[in-house]
Amino acid sequence: MTLILNIQIQLVHTNSQNPDFQYLVKFLDADLASKNGDEHSFYAQFNKIDSIKHVIVAYLDSKPVGCGAIKAYSEMAMEVKRMFVLPEQRKRGVASEILNALEKWALEIGYHSCVLETGHKQPEAIALYKKSGYEIIPNYGQYAGVENSVCFEKKLAAAMD
């Protein structure tokens, strides 16, 4: 017997003041703390959410199940931040939907690429970004020289033509 999952994901454009985003980020931070151990406080300083203007929250059956955000990194690039899907909702395409929507939003507001940082201790995230067309780049900014960090970039203009 084949089980076909037909899920309806609703994506909402919002900002970091959204209570559902803040709710999901608490789970994200706990997940990252367990994976990064002693290194968590280093990364946490770069993941403040007080004033992010471009946030997407994903809902299934009116319940928040995932999120992601973008913020300006340079004149041409947005940085993908705070990507997370509740563990029980993973492997259903939610993260890919969020990431695609963030990329589209970045293009709509005039950016041509997205950069991001994740960690070697997050193989699922690395797989998602590679599958989504991101390429590994030298670690940028505060992540330069950080052994656990893996940085990626995706050129959006070519990808969305």
C-alpha atoms as a PDB file:
ATOM      1  CA  MET A   1       0.000   0.000   0.000  1.00  0.00           C
ATOM      2  CA  THR A   2       1.311   3.451  -0.917  1.00  0.00           C
ATOM      3  CA  LEU A   3       0.594   6.353   1.373  1.00  0.00           C
ATOM      4  CA  ILE A   4       0.455   9.708  -0.385  1.00  0.00           C
ATOM      5  CA  LEU A   5       0.770  12.739   1.837  1.00  0.00           C
ATOM      6  CA  ASN A   6      -1.159  15.675   0.462  1.00  0.00           C
ATOM      7  CA  ILE A   7      -0.338  18.483   2.826  1.00  0.00           C
ATOM      8  CA  GLN A   8      -1.329  22.092   2.476  1.00  0.00           C
ATOM      9  CA  ILE A   9       1.374  24.406   3.755  1.00  0.00           C
ATOM     10  CA  GLN A  10       0.356  28.009   4.356  1.00  0.00           C
ATOM     11  CA  LEU A  11       3.231  30.499   4.296  1.00  0.00           C
ATOM     12  CA  VAL A  12       2.758  33.844   6.011  1.00  0.00           C
ATOM     13  CA  HIS A  13       5.026  36.835   5.390  1.00  0.00           C
ATOM     14  CA  THR A  14       5.590  38.651   8.661  1.00  0.00           C
ATOM     15  CA  ASN A  15       8.381  40.042  10.843  1.00  0.00           C
ATOM     16  CA  SER A  16      10.207  38.997  13.984  1.00  0.00           C
ATOM     17  CA  GLN A  17       7.486  40.411  16.240  1.00  0.00           C
ATOM     18  CA  ASN A  18       5.209  37.541  15.190  1.00  0.00           C
ATOM     19  CA  PRO A  19       4.483  35.380  18.281  1.00  0.00           C
ATOM     20  CA  ASP A  20       4.474  32.145  16.240  1.00  0.00           C
ATOM     21  CA  PHE A  21       7.938  32.962  14.895  1.00  0.00           C
ATOM     22  CA  GLN A  22       9.165  33.670  18.423  1.00  0.00           C
ATOM     23  CA  TYR A  23       7.608  30.384  19.606  1.00  0.00           C
ATOM     24  CA  LEU A  24       9.423  28.392  16.891  1.00  0.00           C
ATOM     25  CA  VAL A  25      12.737  30.169  17.506  1.00  0.00           C
ATOM     26  CA  LYS A  26      12.687  28.929  21.110  1.00  0.00           C
ATOM     27  CA  PHE A  27      12.653  25.348  19.797  1.00  0.00           C
ATOM     28  CA  LEU A  28      15.344  26.216  17.255  1.00  0.00           C
ATOM     29  CA  ASP A  29      17.606  27.694  19.918  1.00  0.00           C
ATOM     30  CA  ALA A  30      17.166  24.636  22.163  1.00  0.00           C
ATOM     31  CA  ASP A  31      17.941  22.329  19.222  1.00  0.00           C
ATOM     32  CA  LEU A  32      21.069  24.301  18.308  1.00  0.00           C
ATOM     33  CA  ALA A  33      22.237  24.431  21.933  1.00  0.00           C
ATOM     34  CA  SER A  34      22.049  20.635  22.143  1.00  0.00           C
ATOM     35  CA  LYS A  35      23.992  20.224  18.875  1.00  0.00           C
ATOM     36  CA  ASN A  36      26.581  22.963  19.378  1.00  0.00           C
ATOM     37  CA  GLY A  37      27.279  22.479  23.065  1.00  0.00           C
ATOM     38  CA  ASP A  38      29.950  24.896  24.304  1.00  0.00           C
ATOM     39  CA  GLU A  39      29.990  26.737  20.958  1.00  0.00           C
ATOM     40  CA  HIS A  40      26.321  27.736  21.249  1.00  0.00           C
ATOM     41  CA  SER A  41      26.933  31.096  22.931  1.00  0.00           C
ATOM     42  CA  PHE A  42      29.276  32.127  20.090  1.00  0.00           C
ATOM     43  CA  TYR A  43      26.565  31.498  17.476  1.00  0.00           C
ATOM     44  CA  ALA A  44      23.701  32.843  19.603  1.00  0.00           C
ATOM     45  CA  GLN A  45      25.137  36.370  19.512  1.00  0.00           C
ATOM     46  CA  PHE A  46      24.558  36.459  15.731  1.00  0.00           C
ATOM     47  CA  ASN A  47      21.007  35.123  15.886  1.00  0.00           C
ATOM     48  CA  LYS A  48      19.117  37.890  17.667  1.00  0.00           C
ATOM     49  CA  ILE A  49      15.610  38.337  16.284  1.00  0.00           C
ATOM     50  CA  ASP A  50      14.550  41.701  17.707  1.00  0.00           C
ATOM     51  CA  SER A  51      14.292  43.539  14.390  1.00  0.00           C
ATOM     52  CA  ILE A  52      14.097  41.153  11.442  1.00  0.00           C
ATOM     53  CA  LYS A  53      11.755  42.622   8.828  1.00  0.00           C
ATOM     54  CA  HIS A  54      11.395  39.605   6.518  1.00  0.00           C
ATOM     55  CA  VAL A  55      10.131  36.457   8.228  1.00  0.00           C
ATOM     56  CA  ILE A  56       8.106  33.540   6.915  1.00  0.00           C
ATOM     57  CA  VAL A  57       6.120  31.272   9.201  1.00  0.00           C
ATOM     58  CA  ALA A  58       4.775  27.998   7.806  1.00  0.00           C
ATOM     59  CA  TYR A  59       1.478  26.613   9.050  1.00  0.00           C
ATOM     60  CA  LEU A  60      -0.077  23.160   8.723  1.00  0.00           C
ATOM     61  CA  ASP A  61      -3.675  22.907   9.893  1.00  0.00           C
ATOM     62  CA  SER A  62      -3.369  26.435  11.329  1.00  0.00           C
ATOM     63  CA  LYS A  63      -0.455  25.397  13.570  1.00  0.00           C
ATOM     64  CA  PRO A  64       2.996  26.974  13.212  1.00  0.00           C
ATOM     65  CA  VAL A  65       5.437  24.253  12.131  1.00  0.00           C
ATOM     66  CA  GLY A  66       8.390  26.068  10.576  1.00  0.00           C
ATOM     67  CA  CYS A  67      10.058  29.394   9.963  1.00  0.00           C
ATOM     68  CA  GLY A  68      12.839  31.222   8.216  1.00  0.00           C
ATOM     69  CA  ALA A  69      14.007  34.788   7.748  1.00  0.00           C
ATOM     70  CA  ILE A  70      16.185  36.953   5.565  1.00  0.00           C
ATOM     71  CA  LYS A  71      18.057  40.107   6.424  1.00  0.00           C
ATOM     72  CA  ALA A  72      20.280  42.358   4.373  1.00  0.00           C
ATOM     73  CA  TYR A  73      23.867  41.165   4.239  1.00  0.00           C
ATOM     74  CA  SER A  74      25.168  43.438   1.464  1.00  0.00           C
ATOM     75  CA  GLU A  75      23.748  45.637  -1.284  1.00  0.00           C
ATOM     76  CA  MET A  76      23.086  42.558  -3.421  1.00  0.00           C
ATOM     77  CA  ALA A  77      22.722  39.693  -0.924  1.00  0.00           C
ATOM     78  CA  MET A  78      20.284  38.700   1.780  1.00  0.00           C
ATOM     79  CA  GLU A  79      21.360  36.374   4.577  1.00  0.00           C
ATOM     80  CA  VAL A  80      19.069  33.443   5.374  1.00  0.00           C
ATOM     81  CA  LYS A  81      18.541  33.169   9.121  1.00  0.00           C
ATOM     82  CA  ARG A  82      16.498  31.190  11.666  1.00  0.00           C
ATOM     83  CA  MET A  83      15.487  28.278   9.411  1.00  0.00           C
ATOM     84  CA  PHE A  84      13.636  25.677  11.458  1.00  0.00           C
ATOM     85  CA  VAL A  85      10.944  23.014  11.162  1.00  0.00           C
ATOM     86  CA  LEU A  86       9.515  21.171  14.148  1.00  0.00           C
ATOM     87  CA  PRO A  87      11.038  17.662  14.259  1.00  0.00           C
ATOM     88  CA  GLU A  88       7.676  15.909  13.858  1.00  0.00           C
ATOM     89  CA  GLN A  89       6.991  17.881  10.653  1.00  0.00           C
ATOM     90  CA  ARG A  90      10.308  17.234   8.907  1.00  0.00           C
ATOM     91  CA  LYS A  91      10.707  15.261   5.674  1.00  0.00           C
ATOM     92  CA  ARG A  92       7.480  16.766   4.313  1.00  0.00           C
ATOM     93  CA  GLY A  93       8.936  19.576   2.206  1.00  0.00           C
ATOM     94  CA  VAL A  94       8.209  22.376   4.671  1.00  0.00           C
ATOM     95  CA  ALA A  95      11.802  23.645   4.826  1.00  0.00           C
ATOM     96  CA  SER A  96      12.102  23.668   1.032  1.00  0.00           C
ATOM     97  CA  GLU A  97       8.869  25.650   0.745  1.00  0.00           C
ATOM     98  CA  ILE A  98      10.080  28.203   3.286  1.00  0.00           C
ATOM     99  CA  LEU A  99      13.478  28.540   1.620  1.00  0.00           C
ATOM    100  CA  ASN A 100      11.941  28.945  -1.848  1.00  0.00           C
ATOM    101  CA  ALA A 101       9.595  31.629  -0.531  1.00  0.00           C
ATOM    102  CA  LEU A 102      12.469  33.486   1.157  1.00  0.00           C
ATOM    103  CA  GLU A 103      14.458  33.446  -2.094  1.00  0.00           C
ATOM    104  CA  LYS A 104      11.480  34.743  -4.049  1.00  0.00           C
ATOM    105  CA  TRP A 105      10.937  37.495  -1.486  1.00  0.00           C
ATOM    106  CA  ALA A 106      14.616  38.490  -1.671  1.00  0.00           C
ATOM    107  CA  LEU A 107      14.321  38.819  -5.450  1.00  0.00           C
ATOM    108  CA  GLU A 108      11.106  40.835  -5.183  1.00  0.00           C
ATOM    109  CA  ILE A 109      12.809  43.405  -2.962  1.00  0.00           C
ATOM    110  CA  GLY A 110      15.821  43.739  -5.246  1.00  0.00           C
ATOM    111  CA  TYR A 111      18.454  41.280  -4.027  1.00  0.00           C
ATOM    112  CA  HIS A 112      20.289  38.891  -6.353  1.00  0.00           C
ATOM    113  CA  SER A 113      21.725  36.269  -4.024  1.00  0.00           C
ATOM    114  CA  CYS A 114      21.347  34.662  -0.642  1.00  0.00           C
ATOM    115  CA  VAL A 115      24.130  33.683   1.733  1.00  0.00           C
ATOM    116  CA  LEU A 116      23.863  31.637   4.890  1.00  0.00           C
ATOM    117  CA  GLU A 117      25.814  29.869   7.575  1.00  0.00           C
ATOM    118  CA  THR A 118      25.095  26.512   9.109  1.00  0.00           C
ATOM    119  CA  GLY A 119      27.188  24.059  11.086  1.00  0.00           C
ATOM    120  CA  HIS A 120      28.900  20.786  10.315  1.00  0.00           C
ATOM    121  CA  LYS A 121      26.803  19.335  13.168  1.00  0.00           C
ATOM    122  CA  GLN A 122      23.642  19.978  11.112  1.00  0.00           C
ATOM    123  CA  PRO A 123      23.876  17.512   8.208  1.00  0.00           C
ATOM    124  CA  GLU A 124      20.143  17.829   7.452  1.00  0.00           C
ATOM    125  CA  ALA A 125      20.527  21.576   6.908  1.00  0.00           C
ATOM    126  CA  ILE A 126      23.599  21.068   4.717  1.00  0.00           C
ATOM    127  CA  ALA A 127      21.668  18.539   2.609  1.00  0.00           C
ATOM    128  CA  LEU A 128      18.719  20.950   2.238  1.00  0.00           C
ATOM    129  CA  TYR A 129      20.921  23.805   1.063  1.00  0.00           C
ATOM    130  CA  LYS A 130      22.861  21.652  -1.408  1.00  0.00           C
ATOM    131  CA  LYS A 131      19.605  20.203  -2.778  1.00  0.00           C
ATOM    132  CA  SER A 132      18.282  23.761  -3.132  1.00  0.00           C
ATOM    133  CA  GLY A 133      21.203  24.891  -5.303  1.00  0.00           C
ATOM    134  CA  TYR A 134      23.407  26.555  -2.703  1.00  0.00           C
ATOM    135  CA  GLU A 135      27.156  26.281  -3.147  1.00  0.00           C
ATOM    136  CA  ILE A 136      29.739  26.212  -0.386  1.00  0.00           C
ATOM    137  CA  ILE A 137      31.732  29.440  -0.178  1.00  0.00           C
ATOM    138  CA  PRO A 138      34.566  30.559   2.095  1.00  0.00           C
ATOM    139  CA  ASN A 139      33.281  31.383   5.562  1.00  0.00           C
ATOM    140  CA  TYR A 140      32.302  35.036   5.641  1.00  0.00           C
ATOM    141  CA  GLY A 141      32.224  37.767   8.263  1.00  0.00           C
ATOM    142  CA  GLN A 142      32.072  36.546  11.838  1.00  0.00           C
ATOM    143  CA  TYR A 143      32.254  32.918  10.648  1.00  0.00           C
ATOM    144  CA  ALA A 144      35.681  33.290   8.971  1.00  0.00           C
ATOM    145  CA  GLY A 145      38.053  30.817  10.588  1.00  0.00           C
ATOM    146  CA  VAL A 146      35.287  29.055  12.550  1.00  0.00           C
ATOM    147  CA  GLU A 147      35.837  25.332  12.093  1.00  0.00           C
ATOM    148  CA  ASN A 148      32.245  24.214  12.723  1.00  0.00           C
ATOM    149  CA  SER A 149      30.735  26.735  10.273  1.00  0.00           C
ATOM    150  CA  VAL A 150      29.816  26.003   6.672  1.00  0.00           C
ATOM    151  CA  CYS A 151      28.801  28.981   4.525  1.00  0.00           C
ATOM    152  CA  PHE A 152      26.740  28.851   1.348  1.00  0.00           C
ATOM    153  CA  GLU A 153      25.606  31.171  -1.421  1.00  0.00           C
ATOM    154  CA  LYS A 154      22.990  30.959  -4.147  1.00  0.00           C
ATOM    155  CA  LYS A 155      22.703  33.368  -7.055  1.00  0.00           C
ATOM    156  CA  LEU A 156      18.985  34.054  -7.351  1.00  0.00           C
ATOM    157  CA  ALA A 157      18.667  35.948 -10.608  1.00  0.00           C
ATOM    158  CA  ALA A 158      19.883  33.008 -12.715  1.00  0.00           C
ATOM    159  CA  ALA A 159      17.943  30.511 -10.634  1.00  0.00           C
ATOM    160  CA  MET A 160      14.658  32.375 -11.018  1.00  0.00           C
ATOM    161  CA  ASP A 161      14.835  33.316 -14.743  1.00  0.00           C
END
